[in-house]
Amino acid sequence: MATVHVMHNGGMACVGDELAKSVTHIPGVSLCPLGYHNLPDTALMVYRAEPGWFAIRRKGMAGRLKRFQSFDRALAAAKRIAATD
């Protein structure tokens, strides 16, 4: 099972403080500082792709897997992908 990480501390890719706080109690989801590189290549990352959009990618991949206008939908999709890995 892959792990899900949410980018949270500064920079344009971070989801913001309020959304980051909302995931601290969810099993299998952790906060990841922007630029943190000690994650396995299979780790799923949820981040702000651009204003109003959130995306999922794997650490070791260059491109996005999926993109959503809702943080909750992006997180749910990342958890589903992680569960099938």
PDB file of N, CA and C in Angstrom:
ATOM      1  N   MET A   1       0.846  -1.195   0.000  1.00  0.00           N
ATOM      2  CA  MET A   1       0.000   0.000   0.000  1.00  0.00           C
ATOM      3  C   MET A   1       0.880   1.244   0.000  1.00  0.00           C
ATOM      4  N   ALA A   2       0.629   2.142  -0.910  1.00  0.00           N
ATOM      5  CA  ALA A   2       1.379   3.391  -0.986  1.00  0.00           C
ATOM      6  C   ALA A   2       0.927   4.327   0.134  1.00  0.00           C
ATOM      7  N   THR A   3       1.759   5.301   0.436  1.00  0.00           N
ATOM      8  CA  THR A   3       1.404   6.299   1.434  1.00  0.00           C
ATOM      9  C   THR A   3       0.955   7.574   0.731  1.00  0.00           C
ATOM     10  N   VAL A   4       0.101   8.330   1.413  1.00  0.00           N
ATOM     11  CA  VAL A   4      -0.402   9.600   0.884  1.00  0.00           C
ATOM     12  C   VAL A   4       0.182  10.722   1.724  1.00  0.00           C
ATOM     13  N   HIS A   5       0.778  11.686   1.051  1.00  0.00           N
ATOM     14  CA  HIS A   5       1.385  12.832   1.724  1.00  0.00           C
ATOM     15  C   HIS A   5       0.763  14.106   1.166  1.00  0.00           C
ATOM     16  N   VAL A   6       0.514  15.066   2.043  1.00  0.00           N
ATOM     17  CA  VAL A   6      -0.068  16.350   1.658  1.00  0.00           C
ATOM     18  C   VAL A   6       1.000  17.423   1.838  1.00  0.00           C
ATOM     19  N   MET A   7       1.292  18.166   0.772  1.00  0.00           N
ATOM     20  CA  MET A   7       2.267  19.252   0.848  1.00  0.00           C
ATOM     21  C   MET A   7       1.682  20.392   1.671  1.00  0.00           C
ATOM     22  N   HIS A   8       2.464  20.893   2.644  1.00  0.00           N
ATOM     23  CA  HIS A   8       1.812  21.827   3.556  1.00  0.00           C
ATOM     24  C   HIS A   8       2.573  23.066   3.978  1.00  0.00           C
ATOM     25  N   ASN A   9       3.826  23.247   3.706  1.00  0.00           N
ATOM     26  CA  ASN A   9       4.497  24.363   4.379  1.00  0.00           C
ATOM     27  C   ASN A   9       5.182  25.350   3.457  1.00  0.00           C
ATOM     28  N   GLY A  10       4.431  26.189   2.845  1.00  0.00           N
ATOM     29  CA  GLY A  10       5.007  27.259   2.043  1.00  0.00           C
ATOM     30  C   GLY A  10       5.144  26.889   0.580  1.00  0.00           C
ATOM     31  N   GLY A  11       5.207  27.884  -0.239  1.00  0.00           N
ATOM     32  CA  GLY A  11       5.350  27.658  -1.665  1.00  0.00           C
ATOM     33  C   GLY A  11       4.001  27.500  -2.340  1.00  0.00           C
ATOM     34  N   MET A  12       4.002  27.658  -3.624  1.00  0.00           N
ATOM     35  CA  MET A  12       2.752  27.607  -4.379  1.00  0.00           C
ATOM     36  C   MET A  12       2.128  26.219  -4.400  1.00  0.00           C
ATOM     37  N   ALA A  13       2.919  25.162  -4.256  1.00  0.00           N
ATOM     38  CA  ALA A  13       2.388  23.800  -4.335  1.00  0.00           C
ATOM     39  C   ALA A  13       1.695  23.358  -3.053  1.00  0.00           C
ATOM     40  N   CYS A  14       1.822  24.120  -1.995  1.00  0.00           N
ATOM     41  CA  CYS A  14       1.259  23.697  -0.712  1.00  0.00           C
ATOM     42  C   CYS A  14      -0.236  23.994  -0.624  1.00  0.00           C
ATOM     43  N   VAL A  15      -0.941  23.140   0.097  1.00  0.00           N
ATOM     44  CA  VAL A  15      -2.398  23.233   0.127  1.00  0.00           C
ATOM     45  C   VAL A  15      -2.915  24.310   1.068  1.00  0.00           C
ATOM     46  N   GLY A  16      -2.103  24.799   1.960  1.00  0.00           N
ATOM     47  CA  GLY A  16      -2.530  25.821   2.904  1.00  0.00           C
ATOM     48  C   GLY A  16      -2.755  25.244   4.286  1.00  0.00           C
ATOM     49  N   ASP A  17      -2.677  26.098   5.289  1.00  0.00           N
ATOM     50  CA  ASP A  17      -2.742  25.669   6.683  1.00  0.00           C
ATOM     51  C   ASP A  17      -4.058  25.003   7.064  1.00  0.00           C
ATOM     52  N   GLU A  18      -5.170  25.581   6.647  1.00  0.00           N
ATOM     53  CA  GLU A  18      -6.469  25.028   7.049  1.00  0.00           C
ATOM     54  C   GLU A  18      -6.687  23.624   6.481  1.00  0.00           C
ATOM     55  N   LEU A  19      -6.378  23.440   5.212  1.00  0.00           N
ATOM     56  CA  LEU A  19      -6.544  22.116   4.613  1.00  0.00           C
ATOM     57  C   LEU A  19      -5.547  21.131   5.213  1.00  0.00           C
ATOM     58  N   ALA A  20      -4.345  21.582   5.492  1.00  0.00           N
ATOM     59  CA  ALA A  20      -3.346  20.699   6.107  1.00  0.00           C
ATOM     60  C   ALA A  20      -3.822  20.240   7.482  1.00  0.00           C
ATOM     61  N   LYS A  21      -4.391  21.144   8.261  1.00  0.00           N
ATOM     62  CA  LYS A  21      -4.903  20.768   9.588  1.00  0.00           C
ATOM     63  C   LYS A  21      -6.015  19.733   9.491  1.00  0.00           C
ATOM     64  N   SER A  22      -6.780  19.778   8.417  1.00  0.00           N
ATOM     65  CA  SER A  22      -7.921  18.871   8.278  1.00  0.00           C
ATOM     66  C   SER A  22      -7.509  17.419   8.050  1.00  0.00           C
ATOM     67  N   VAL A  23      -6.269  17.152   7.684  1.00  0.00           N
ATOM     68  CA  VAL A  23      -5.850  15.767   7.403  1.00  0.00           C
ATOM     69  C   VAL A  23      -5.037  15.144   8.520  1.00  0.00           C
ATOM     70  N   THR A  24      -4.738  15.891   9.563  1.00  0.00           N
ATOM     71  CA  THR A  24      -3.855  15.366  10.609  1.00  0.00           C
ATOM     72  C   THR A  24      -4.449  14.174  11.352  1.00  0.00           C
ATOM     73  N   HIS A  25      -5.741  14.001  11.313  1.00  0.00           N
ATOM     74  CA  HIS A  25      -6.391  12.894  12.031  1.00  0.00           C
ATOM     75  C   HIS A  25      -6.739  11.709  11.131  1.00  0.00           C
ATOM     76  N   ILE A  26      -6.426  11.793   9.841  1.00  0.00           N
ATOM     77  CA  ILE A  26      -6.815  10.745   8.897  1.00  0.00           C
ATOM     78  C   ILE A  26      -5.733   9.674   8.825  1.00  0.00           C
ATOM     79  N   PRO A  27      -6.082   8.418   9.131  1.00  0.00           N
ATOM     80  CA  PRO A  27      -5.090   7.340   9.054  1.00  0.00           C
ATOM     81  C   PRO A  27      -4.555   7.171   7.634  1.00  0.00           C
ATOM     82  N   GLY A  28      -3.266   6.942   7.500  1.00  0.00           N
ATOM     83  CA  GLY A  28      -2.656   6.716   6.201  1.00  0.00           C
ATOM     84  C   GLY A  28      -2.320   7.977   5.430  1.00  0.00           C
ATOM     85  N   VAL A  29      -2.553   9.141   6.039  1.00  0.00           N
ATOM     86  CA  VAL A  29      -2.248  10.417   5.387  1.00  0.00           C
ATOM     87  C   VAL A  29      -1.329  11.203   6.313  1.00  0.00           C
ATOM     88  N   SER A  30      -0.249  11.734   5.756  1.00  0.00           N
ATOM     89  CA  SER A  30       0.659  12.533   6.571  1.00  0.00           C
ATOM     90  C   SER A  30       0.984  13.836   5.861  1.00  0.00           C
ATOM     91  N   LEU A  31       1.465  14.790   6.633  1.00  0.00           N
ATOM     92  CA  LEU A  31       1.875  16.067   6.068  1.00  0.00           C
ATOM     93  C   LEU A  31       3.322  15.950   5.621  1.00  0.00           C
ATOM     94  N   CYS A  32       3.630  16.581   4.532  1.00  0.00           N
ATOM     95  CA  CYS A  32       4.975  16.520   3.973  1.00  0.00           C
ATOM     96  C   CYS A  32       5.444  17.933   3.664  1.00  0.00           C
ATOM     97  N   PRO A  33       6.568  18.350   4.238  1.00  0.00           N
ATOM     98  CA  PRO A  33       7.080  19.676   3.909  1.00  0.00           C
ATOM     99  C   PRO A  33       7.483  19.771   2.441  1.00  0.00           C
ATOM    100  N   LEU A  34       7.248  20.909   1.849  1.00  0.00           N
ATOM    101  CA  LEU A  34       7.657  21.150   0.472  1.00  0.00           C
ATOM    102  C   LEU A  34       9.163  20.925   0.356  1.00  0.00           C
ATOM    103  N   GLY A  35       9.558  20.180  -0.638  1.00  0.00           N
ATOM    104  CA  GLY A  35      10.971  19.917  -0.852  1.00  0.00           C
ATOM    105  C   GLY A  35      11.527  18.735  -0.089  1.00  0.00           C
ATOM    106  N   TYR A  36      10.704  18.054   0.712  1.00  0.00           N
ATOM    107  CA  TYR A  36      11.165  16.895   1.462  1.00  0.00           C
ATOM    108  C   TYR A  36      11.354  15.744   0.485  1.00  0.00           C
ATOM    109  N   HIS A  37      12.543  15.183   0.441  1.00  0.00           N
ATOM    110  CA  HIS A  37      12.869  14.198  -0.580  1.00  0.00           C
ATOM    111  C   HIS A  37      13.041  12.785  -0.054  1.00  0.00           C
ATOM    112  N   ASN A  38      12.859  12.546   1.211  1.00  0.00           N
ATOM    113  CA  ASN A  38      13.083  11.211   1.775  1.00  0.00           C
ATOM    114  C   ASN A  38      11.827  10.359   1.780  1.00  0.00           C
ATOM    115  N   LEU A  39      11.071  10.411   0.713  1.00  0.00           N
ATOM    116  CA  LEU A  39       9.875   9.594   0.563  1.00  0.00           C
ATOM    117  C   LEU A  39      10.160   8.507  -0.462  1.00  0.00           C
ATOM    118  N   PRO A  40       9.502   7.355  -0.344  1.00  0.00           N
ATOM    119  CA  PRO A  40       9.685   6.340  -1.390  1.00  0.00           C
ATOM    120  C   PRO A  40       9.106   6.831  -2.716  1.00  0.00           C
ATOM    121  N   ASP A  41       9.624   6.319  -3.815  1.00  0.00           N
ATOM    122  CA  ASP A  41       9.143   6.739  -5.138  1.00  0.00           C
ATOM    123  C   ASP A  41       7.673   6.413  -5.362  1.00  0.00           C
ATOM    124  N   THR A  42       7.134   5.470  -4.605  1.00  0.00           N
ATOM    125  CA  THR A  42       5.725   5.105  -4.764  1.00  0.00           C
ATOM    126  C   THR A  42       4.787   6.006  -3.964  1.00  0.00           C
ATOM    127  N   ALA A  43       5.327   6.891  -3.161  1.00  0.00           N
ATOM    128  CA  ALA A  43       4.493   7.770  -2.338  1.00  0.00           C
ATOM    129  C   ALA A  43       3.611   8.642  -3.222  1.00  0.00           C
ATOM    130  N   LEU A  44       2.360   8.805  -2.827  1.00  0.00           N
ATOM    131  CA  LEU A  44       1.425   9.693  -3.523  1.00  0.00           C
ATOM    132  C   LEU A  44       1.440  11.048  -2.843  1.00  0.00           C
ATOM    133  N   MET A  45       1.490  12.098  -3.640  1.00  0.00           N
ATOM    134  CA  MET A  45       1.542  13.440  -3.085  1.00  0.00           C
ATOM    135  C   MET A  45       0.335  14.235  -3.573  1.00  0.00           C
ATOM    136  N   VAL A  46      -0.349  14.888  -2.638  1.00  0.00           N
ATOM    137  CA  VAL A  46      -1.464  15.777  -2.963  1.00  0.00           C
ATOM    138  C   VAL A  46      -0.934  17.194  -2.779  1.00  0.00           C
ATOM    139  N   TYR A  47      -1.136  18.034  -3.777  1.00  0.00           N
ATOM    140  CA  TYR A  47      -0.585  19.383  -3.727  1.00  0.00           C
ATOM    141  C   TYR A  47      -1.487  20.345  -4.493  1.00  0.00           C
ATOM    142  N   ARG A  48      -1.222  21.633  -4.328  1.00  0.00           N
ATOM    143  CA  ARG A  48      -1.975  22.650  -5.074  1.00  0.00           C
ATOM    144  C   ARG A  48      -1.300  22.794  -6.439  1.00  0.00           C
ATOM    145  N   ALA A  49      -2.035  22.446  -7.483  1.00  0.00           N
ATOM    146  CA  ALA A  49      -1.479  22.485  -8.826  1.00  0.00           C
ATOM    147  C   ALA A  49      -1.429  23.919  -9.363  1.00  0.00           C
ATOM    148  N   GLU A  50      -2.448  24.674  -9.055  1.00  0.00           N
ATOM    149  CA  GLU A  50      -2.577  26.069  -9.450  1.00  0.00           C
ATOM    150  C   GLU A  50      -3.747  26.614  -8.653  1.00  0.00           C
ATOM    151  N   PRO A  51      -3.959  27.916  -8.622  1.00  0.00           N
ATOM    152  CA  PRO A  51      -5.070  28.428  -7.821  1.00  0.00           C
ATOM    153  C   PRO A  51      -6.396  27.740  -8.168  1.00  0.00           C
ATOM    154  N   GLY A  52      -7.034  27.186  -7.150  1.00  0.00           N
ATOM    155  CA  GLY A  52      -8.322  26.534  -7.328  1.00  0.00           C
ATOM    156  C   GLY A  52      -8.258  25.086  -7.774  1.00  0.00           C
ATOM    157  N   TRP A  53      -7.074  24.534  -7.967  1.00  0.00           N
ATOM    158  CA  TRP A  53      -6.920  23.156  -8.425  1.00  0.00           C
ATOM    159  C   TRP A  53      -5.940  22.402  -7.529  1.00  0.00           C
ATOM    160  N   PHE A  54      -6.256  21.140  -7.296  1.00  0.00           N
ATOM    161  CA  PHE A  54      -5.397  20.253  -6.516  1.00  0.00           C
ATOM    162  C   PHE A  54      -5.078  19.033  -7.366  1.00  0.00           C
ATOM    163  N   ALA A  55      -3.899  18.471  -7.178  1.00  0.00           N
ATOM    164  CA  ALA A  55      -3.482  17.364  -8.029  1.00  0.00           C
ATOM    165  C   ALA A  55      -2.810  16.277  -7.205  1.00  0.00           C
ATOM    166  N   ILE A  56      -2.673  15.115  -7.840  1.00  0.00           N
ATOM    167  CA  ILE A  56      -2.018  13.957  -7.244  1.00  0.00           C
ATOM    168  C   ILE A  56      -0.898  13.537  -8.187  1.00  0.00           C
ATOM    169  N   ARG A  57       0.250  13.220  -7.627  1.00  0.00           N
ATOM    170  CA  ARG A  57       1.318  12.618  -8.412  1.00  0.00           C
ATOM    171  C   ARG A  57       2.124  11.689  -7.514  1.00  0.00           C
ATOM    172  N   ARG A  58       2.892  10.837  -8.128  1.00  0.00           N
ATOM    173  CA  ARG A  58       3.828  10.007  -7.377  1.00  0.00           C
ATOM    174  C   ARG A  58       5.131  10.769  -7.253  1.00  0.00           C
ATOM    175  N   LYS A  59       5.845  10.530  -6.180  1.00  0.00           N
ATOM    176  CA  LYS A  59       7.104  11.242  -5.971  1.00  0.00           C
ATOM    177  C   LYS A  59       8.064  11.013  -7.127  1.00  0.00           C
ATOM    178  N   GLY A  60       8.166   9.796  -7.598  1.00  0.00           N
ATOM    179  CA  GLY A  60       9.134   9.478  -8.633  1.00  0.00           C
ATOM    180  C   GLY A  60       8.676   9.750 -10.051  1.00  0.00           C
ATOM    181  N   MET A  61       7.501  10.310 -10.228  1.00  0.00           N
ATOM    182  CA  MET A  61       6.971  10.576 -11.578  1.00  0.00           C
ATOM    183  C   MET A  61       6.994  12.067 -11.869  1.00  0.00           C
ATOM    184  N   ALA A  62       7.136  12.410 -13.123  1.00  0.00           N
ATOM    185  CA  ALA A  62       7.189  13.814 -13.496  1.00  0.00           C
ATOM    186  C   ALA A  62       5.801  14.437 -13.652  1.00  0.00           C
ATOM    187  N   GLY A  63       4.787  13.651 -14.020  1.00  0.00           N
ATOM    188  CA  GLY A  63       3.487  14.227 -14.334  1.00  0.00           C
ATOM    189  C   GLY A  63       2.416  13.942 -13.305  1.00  0.00           C
ATOM    190  N   ARG A  64       1.308  14.650 -13.453  1.00  0.00           N
ATOM    191  CA  ARG A  64       0.158  14.463 -12.579  1.00  0.00           C
ATOM    192  C   ARG A  64      -0.575  13.185 -12.945  1.00  0.00           C
ATOM    193  N   LEU A  65      -1.139  12.542 -11.920  1.00  0.00           N
ATOM    194  CA  LEU A  65      -2.020  11.407 -12.158  1.00  0.00           C
ATOM    195  C   LEU A  65      -3.445  11.887 -12.382  1.00  0.00           C
ATOM    196  N   LYS A  66      -3.876  12.823 -11.530  1.00  0.00           N
ATOM    197  CA  LYS A  66      -5.240  13.351 -11.604  1.00  0.00           C
ATOM    198  C   LYS A  66      -5.229  14.791 -11.099  1.00  0.00           C
ATOM    199  N   ARG A  67      -6.267  15.542 -11.473  1.00  0.00           N
ATOM    200  CA  ARG A  67      -6.401  16.931 -11.037  1.00  0.00           C
ATOM    201  C   ARG A  67      -7.861  17.199 -10.709  1.00  0.00           C
ATOM    202  N   PHE A  68      -8.105  17.928  -9.619  1.00  0.00           N
ATOM    203  CA  PHE A  68      -9.466  18.201  -9.142  1.00  0.00           C
ATOM    204  C   PHE A  68      -9.583  19.644  -8.693  1.00  0.00           C
ATOM    205  N   GLN A  69     -10.810  20.169  -8.711  1.00  0.00           N
ATOM    206  CA  GLN A  69     -11.058  21.498  -8.158  1.00  0.00           C
ATOM    207  C   GLN A  69     -11.386  21.432  -6.674  1.00  0.00           C
ATOM    208  N   SER A  70     -11.454  20.250  -6.119  1.00  0.00           N
ATOM    209  CA  SER A  70     -11.764  20.066  -4.707  1.00  0.00           C
ATOM    210  C   SER A  70     -10.626  19.318  -4.019  1.00  0.00           C
ATOM    211  N   PHE A  71     -10.145  19.868  -2.919  1.00  0.00           N
ATOM    212  CA  PHE A  71      -9.111  19.197  -2.144  1.00  0.00           C
ATOM    213  C   PHE A  71      -9.618  17.855  -1.628  1.00  0.00           C
ATOM    214  N   ASP A  72     -10.842  17.823  -1.130  1.00  0.00           N
ATOM    215  CA  ASP A  72     -11.402  16.583  -0.595  1.00  0.00           C
ATOM    216  C   ASP A  72     -11.474  15.490  -1.663  1.00  0.00           C
ATOM    217  N   ARG A  73     -11.839  15.853  -2.874  1.00  0.00           N
ATOM    218  CA  ARG A  73     -11.891  14.863  -3.960  1.00  0.00           C
ATOM    219  C   ARG A  73     -10.494  14.378  -4.330  1.00  0.00           C
ATOM    220  N   ALA A  74      -9.528  15.277  -4.335  1.00  0.00           N
ATOM    221  CA  ALA A  74      -8.146  14.882  -4.637  1.00  0.00           C
ATOM    222  C   ALA A  74      -7.623  13.935  -3.566  1.00  0.00           C
ATOM    223  N   LEU A  75      -7.894  14.247  -2.315  1.00  0.00           N
ATOM    224  CA  LEU A  75      -7.432  13.395  -1.214  1.00  0.00           C
ATOM    225  C   LEU A  75      -8.110  12.028  -1.269  1.00  0.00           C
ATOM    226  N   ALA A  76      -9.409  12.004  -1.520  1.00  0.00           N
ATOM    227  CA  ALA A  76     -10.132  10.732  -1.619  1.00  0.00           C
ATOM    228  C   ALA A  76      -9.592   9.881  -2.764  1.00  0.00           C
ATOM    229  N   ALA A  77      -9.310  10.500  -3.897  1.00  0.00           N
ATOM    230  CA  ALA A  77      -8.756   9.767  -5.034  1.00  0.00           C
ATOM    231  C   ALA A  77      -7.368   9.221  -4.711  1.00  0.00           C
ATOM    232  N   ALA A  78      -6.553   9.998  -4.032  1.00  0.00           N
ATOM    233  CA  ALA A  78      -5.220   9.538  -3.647  1.00  0.00           C
ATOM    234  C   ALA A  78      -5.310   8.360  -2.696  1.00  0.00           C
ATOM    235  N   LYS A  79      -6.255   8.402  -1.771  1.00  0.00           N
ATOM    236  CA  LYS A  79      -6.435   7.277  -0.840  1.00  0.00           C
ATOM    237  C   LYS A  79      -6.901   6.025  -1.575  1.00  0.00           C
ATOM    238  N   ARG A  80      -7.776   6.181  -2.576  1.00  0.00           N
ATOM    239  CA  ARG A  80      -8.218   5.019  -3.368  1.00  0.00           C
ATOM    240  C   ARG A  80      -7.049   4.415  -4.155  1.00  0.00           C
ATOM    241  N   ILE A  81      -6.232   5.265  -4.759  1.00  0.00           N
ATOM    242  CA  ILE A  81      -5.069   4.783  -5.509  1.00  0.00           C
ATOM    243  C   ILE A  81      -4.100   4.080  -4.570  1.00  0.00           C
ATOM    244  N   ALA A  82      -3.871   4.643  -3.407  1.00  0.00           N
ATOM    245  CA  ALA A  82      -2.951   4.046  -2.433  1.00  0.00           C
ATOM    246  C   ALA A  82      -3.450   2.686  -1.971  1.00  0.00           C
ATOM    247  N   ALA A  83      -4.755   2.541  -1.832  1.00  0.00           N
ATOM    248  CA  ALA A  83      -5.326   1.280  -1.361  1.00  0.00           C
ATOM    249  C   ALA A  83      -5.163   0.153  -2.381  1.00  0.00           C
ATOM    250  N   THR A  84      -5.056   0.501  -3.647  1.00  0.00           N
ATOM    251  CA  THR A  84      -4.918  -0.529  -4.674  1.00  0.00           C
ATOM    252  C   THR A  84      -3.468  -0.870  -4.981  1.00  0.00           C
ATOM    253  N   ASP A  85      -2.537  -0.082  -4.459  1.00  0.00           N
ATOM    254  CA  ASP A  85      -1.102  -0.369  -4.682  1.00  0.00           C
ATOM    255  C   ASP A  85      -0.625  -1.526  -3.838  1.00  0.00           C
TER     256      ASP A  85
END
